[in-house]
Amino acid sequence: MYNFQVSDMTCSHCVATVERAIKTVDGAAAVKIDLAGLAVKIESAKPAASFAAAIQEAGYTPLLRG
């Protein structure tokens, strides 16, 4: 499981955009996004760097946490 902080998510549209970006890397990934906590949790066997790149390409700033 990967935990990202995405501090520039501000609305439900942002959440949908980030989730779509994640699903382009792994359509089967389990994704939980907490807008209030600016947190994104991803369960996948794909590398974290792939998700970070996809989130960044979508226009957001991902920070991989612990």
N, C-alpha and C. Protein backbone atom coordinates (compact mmCIF):
# COMPACT_ATOMS: atom_id res chain seq x y z
N MET A 1 0.84 -1.18 0.00
CA MET A 1 0.00 0.00 0.00
C MET A 1 0.89 1.24 0.00
N TYR A 2 0.48 2.21 -0.77
CA TYR A 2 1.20 3.49 -0.84
C TYR A 2 0.32 4.58 -0.27
N ASN A 3 0.91 5.47 0.48
CA ASN A 3 0.21 6.63 1.02
C ASN A 3 0.85 7.89 0.47
N PHE A 4 0.05 8.66 -0.22
CA PHE A 4 0.50 9.93 -0.76
C PHE A 4 -0.24 11.07 -0.09
N GLN A 5 0.45 12.18 0.10
CA GLN A 5 -0.20 13.43 0.46
C GLN A 5 -0.28 14.23 -0.82
N VAL A 6 -1.47 14.72 -1.13
CA VAL A 6 -1.66 15.54 -2.33
C VAL A 6 -2.30 16.84 -1.85
N SER A 7 -1.46 17.77 -1.42
CA SER A 7 -1.93 18.97 -0.72
C SER A 7 -2.67 19.97 -1.61
N ASP A 8 -2.59 19.79 -2.93
CA ASP A 8 -3.29 20.75 -3.78
C ASP A 8 -4.64 20.23 -4.29
N MET A 9 -5.19 19.17 -3.69
CA MET A 9 -6.57 18.75 -3.99
C MET A 9 -7.50 19.66 -3.19
N THR A 10 -8.47 20.26 -3.86
CA THR A 10 -9.35 21.19 -3.17
C THR A 10 -10.84 20.89 -3.31
N CYS A 11 -11.20 19.96 -4.20
CA CYS A 11 -12.62 19.72 -4.44
C CYS A 11 -12.86 18.30 -4.97
N SER A 12 -14.12 17.97 -5.14
CA SER A 12 -14.46 16.62 -5.62
C SER A 12 -13.96 16.39 -7.05
N HIS A 13 -13.85 17.43 -7.83
CA HIS A 13 -13.30 17.29 -9.19
C HIS A 13 -11.83 16.87 -9.11
N CYS A 14 -11.11 17.45 -8.17
CA CYS A 14 -9.70 17.08 -7.97
C CYS A 14 -9.60 15.60 -7.61
N VAL A 15 -10.46 15.16 -6.71
CA VAL A 15 -10.46 13.76 -6.29
C VAL A 15 -10.69 12.84 -7.50
N ALA A 16 -11.67 13.18 -8.32
CA ALA A 16 -11.97 12.36 -9.50
C ALA A 16 -10.80 12.35 -10.48
N THR A 17 -10.15 13.48 -10.65
CA THR A 17 -9.02 13.58 -11.56
C THR A 17 -7.85 12.73 -11.07
N VAL A 18 -7.56 12.80 -9.77
CA VAL A 18 -6.48 12.02 -9.20
C VAL A 18 -6.79 10.53 -9.31
N GLU A 19 -8.03 10.15 -9.02
CA GLU A 19 -8.41 8.74 -9.11
C GLU A 19 -8.28 8.23 -10.55
N ARG A 20 -8.71 9.03 -11.52
CA ARG A 20 -8.56 8.62 -12.93
C ARG A 20 -7.10 8.45 -13.29
N ALA A 21 -6.24 9.33 -12.81
CA ALA A 21 -4.81 9.24 -13.09
C ALA A 21 -4.24 7.94 -12.52
N ILE A 22 -4.64 7.60 -11.32
CA ILE A 22 -4.17 6.37 -10.69
C ILE A 22 -4.63 5.16 -11.48
N LYS A 23 -5.87 5.17 -11.91
CA LYS A 23 -6.43 4.04 -12.65
C LYS A 23 -5.79 3.85 -14.02
N THR A 24 -5.16 4.91 -14.56
CA THR A 24 -4.44 4.73 -15.83
C THR A 24 -3.19 3.90 -15.64
N VAL A 25 -2.65 3.91 -14.44
CA VAL A 25 -1.46 3.10 -14.13
C VAL A 25 -1.88 1.66 -13.82
N ASP A 26 -2.93 1.51 -13.02
CA ASP A 26 -3.41 0.18 -12.64
C ASP A 26 -4.92 0.25 -12.44
N GLY A 27 -5.64 -0.23 -13.44
CA GLY A 27 -7.10 -0.19 -13.39
C GLY A 27 -7.69 -1.01 -12.26
N ALA A 28 -6.93 -1.95 -11.72
CA ALA A 28 -7.41 -2.81 -10.64
C ALA A 28 -6.98 -2.32 -9.25
N ALA A 29 -6.28 -1.20 -9.20
CA ALA A 29 -5.80 -0.68 -7.92
C ALA A 29 -6.97 -0.30 -7.02
N ALA A 30 -6.82 -0.57 -5.74
CA ALA A 30 -7.79 -0.11 -4.75
C ALA A 30 -7.35 1.28 -4.32
N VAL A 31 -8.25 2.25 -4.48
CA VAL A 31 -7.91 3.65 -4.22
C VAL A 31 -8.87 4.22 -3.18
N LYS A 32 -8.30 4.85 -2.16
CA LYS A 32 -9.10 5.56 -1.17
C LYS A 32 -8.54 6.97 -1.06
N ILE A 33 -9.42 7.95 -1.27
CA ILE A 33 -8.98 9.34 -1.23
C ILE A 33 -9.76 10.07 -0.15
N ASP A 34 -9.02 10.73 0.73
CA ASP A 34 -9.59 11.53 1.80
C ASP A 34 -9.32 13.00 1.48
N LEU A 35 -10.32 13.67 0.94
CA LEU A 35 -10.13 15.07 0.53
C LEU A 35 -9.81 15.95 1.73
N ALA A 36 -10.51 15.77 2.84
CA ALA A 36 -10.27 16.60 4.03
C ALA A 36 -8.85 16.42 4.55
N GLY A 37 -8.33 15.20 4.47
CA GLY A 37 -6.98 14.94 4.96
C GLY A 37 -5.92 15.05 3.88
N LEU A 38 -6.36 15.34 2.64
CA LEU A 38 -5.46 15.45 1.48
C LEU A 38 -4.62 14.19 1.30
N ALA A 39 -5.23 13.05 1.59
CA ALA A 39 -4.53 11.78 1.57
C ALA A 39 -5.05 10.86 0.47
N VAL A 40 -4.14 10.14 -0.14
CA VAL A 40 -4.47 9.17 -1.18
C VAL A 40 -3.80 7.85 -0.80
N LYS A 41 -4.60 6.80 -0.67
CA LYS A 41 -4.06 5.47 -0.37
C LYS A 41 -4.30 4.58 -1.58
N ILE A 42 -3.26 3.88 -1.99
CA ILE A 42 -3.34 3.03 -3.17
C ILE A 42 -2.82 1.65 -2.82
N GLU A 43 -3.62 0.63 -3.12
CA GLU A 43 -3.17 -0.75 -2.98
C GLU A 43 -2.94 -1.30 -4.38
N SER A 44 -1.67 -1.61 -4.67
CA SER A 44 -1.31 -2.09 -5.99
C SER A 44 0.10 -2.68 -5.94
N ALA A 45 0.37 -3.57 -6.89
CA ALA A 45 1.71 -4.13 -7.01
C ALA A 45 2.60 -3.27 -7.92
N LYS A 46 2.01 -2.30 -8.59
CA LYS A 46 2.79 -1.41 -9.47
C LYS A 46 3.67 -0.50 -8.61
N PRO A 47 4.77 0.00 -9.15
CA PRO A 47 5.68 0.85 -8.36
C PRO A 47 5.08 2.21 -8.02
N ALA A 48 5.42 2.69 -6.83
CA ALA A 48 4.93 3.98 -6.35
C ALA A 48 5.28 5.11 -7.31
N ALA A 49 6.46 5.03 -7.92
CA ALA A 49 6.90 6.09 -8.83
C ALA A 49 5.95 6.24 -10.01
N SER A 50 5.35 5.15 -10.45
CA SER A 50 4.40 5.22 -11.57
C SER A 50 3.16 6.01 -11.18
N PHE A 51 2.69 5.80 -9.96
CA PHE A 51 1.52 6.54 -9.48
C PHE A 51 1.87 8.01 -9.25
N ALA A 52 3.04 8.26 -8.69
CA ALA A 52 3.47 9.65 -8.47
C ALA A 52 3.54 10.40 -9.79
N ALA A 53 4.09 9.76 -10.81
CA ALA A 53 4.20 10.41 -12.12
C ALA A 53 2.83 10.69 -12.71
N ALA A 54 1.91 9.75 -12.58
CA ALA A 54 0.56 9.93 -13.13
C ALA A 54 -0.18 11.05 -12.42
N ILE A 55 -0.05 11.12 -11.10
CA ILE A 55 -0.69 12.19 -10.33
C ILE A 55 -0.10 13.54 -10.72
N GLN A 56 1.21 13.58 -10.89
CA GLN A 56 1.88 14.83 -11.28
C GLN A 56 1.45 15.25 -12.69
N GLU A 57 1.36 14.30 -13.60
CA GLU A 57 0.92 14.62 -14.97
C GLU A 57 -0.50 15.16 -14.98
N ALA A 58 -1.31 14.75 -13.99
CA ALA A 58 -2.69 15.24 -13.89
C ALA A 58 -2.75 16.65 -13.32
N GLY A 59 -1.59 17.18 -12.88
CA GLY A 59 -1.54 18.56 -12.41
C GLY A 59 -1.47 18.72 -10.90
N TYR A 60 -1.16 17.65 -10.19
CA TYR A 60 -1.13 17.71 -8.73
C TYR A 60 0.27 17.34 -8.22
N THR A 61 0.52 17.65 -6.95
CA THR A 61 1.84 17.42 -6.37
C THR A 61 1.76 16.30 -5.34
N PRO A 62 2.18 15.09 -5.73
CA PRO A 62 2.14 13.97 -4.79
C PRO A 62 3.39 13.91 -3.93
N LEU A 63 3.21 13.56 -2.66
CA LEU A 63 4.32 13.35 -1.74
C LEU A 63 4.13 11.98 -1.12
N LEU A 64 5.02 11.05 -1.42
CA LEU A 64 4.93 9.71 -0.86
C LEU A 64 5.27 9.76 0.62
N ARG A 65 4.38 9.20 1.43
CA ARG A 65 4.58 9.20 2.87
C ARG A 65 4.82 7.80 3.36
N GLY A 66 5.71 7.69 4.37
CA GLY A 66 6.05 6.46 5.06
C GLY A 66 5.61 5.27 4.38
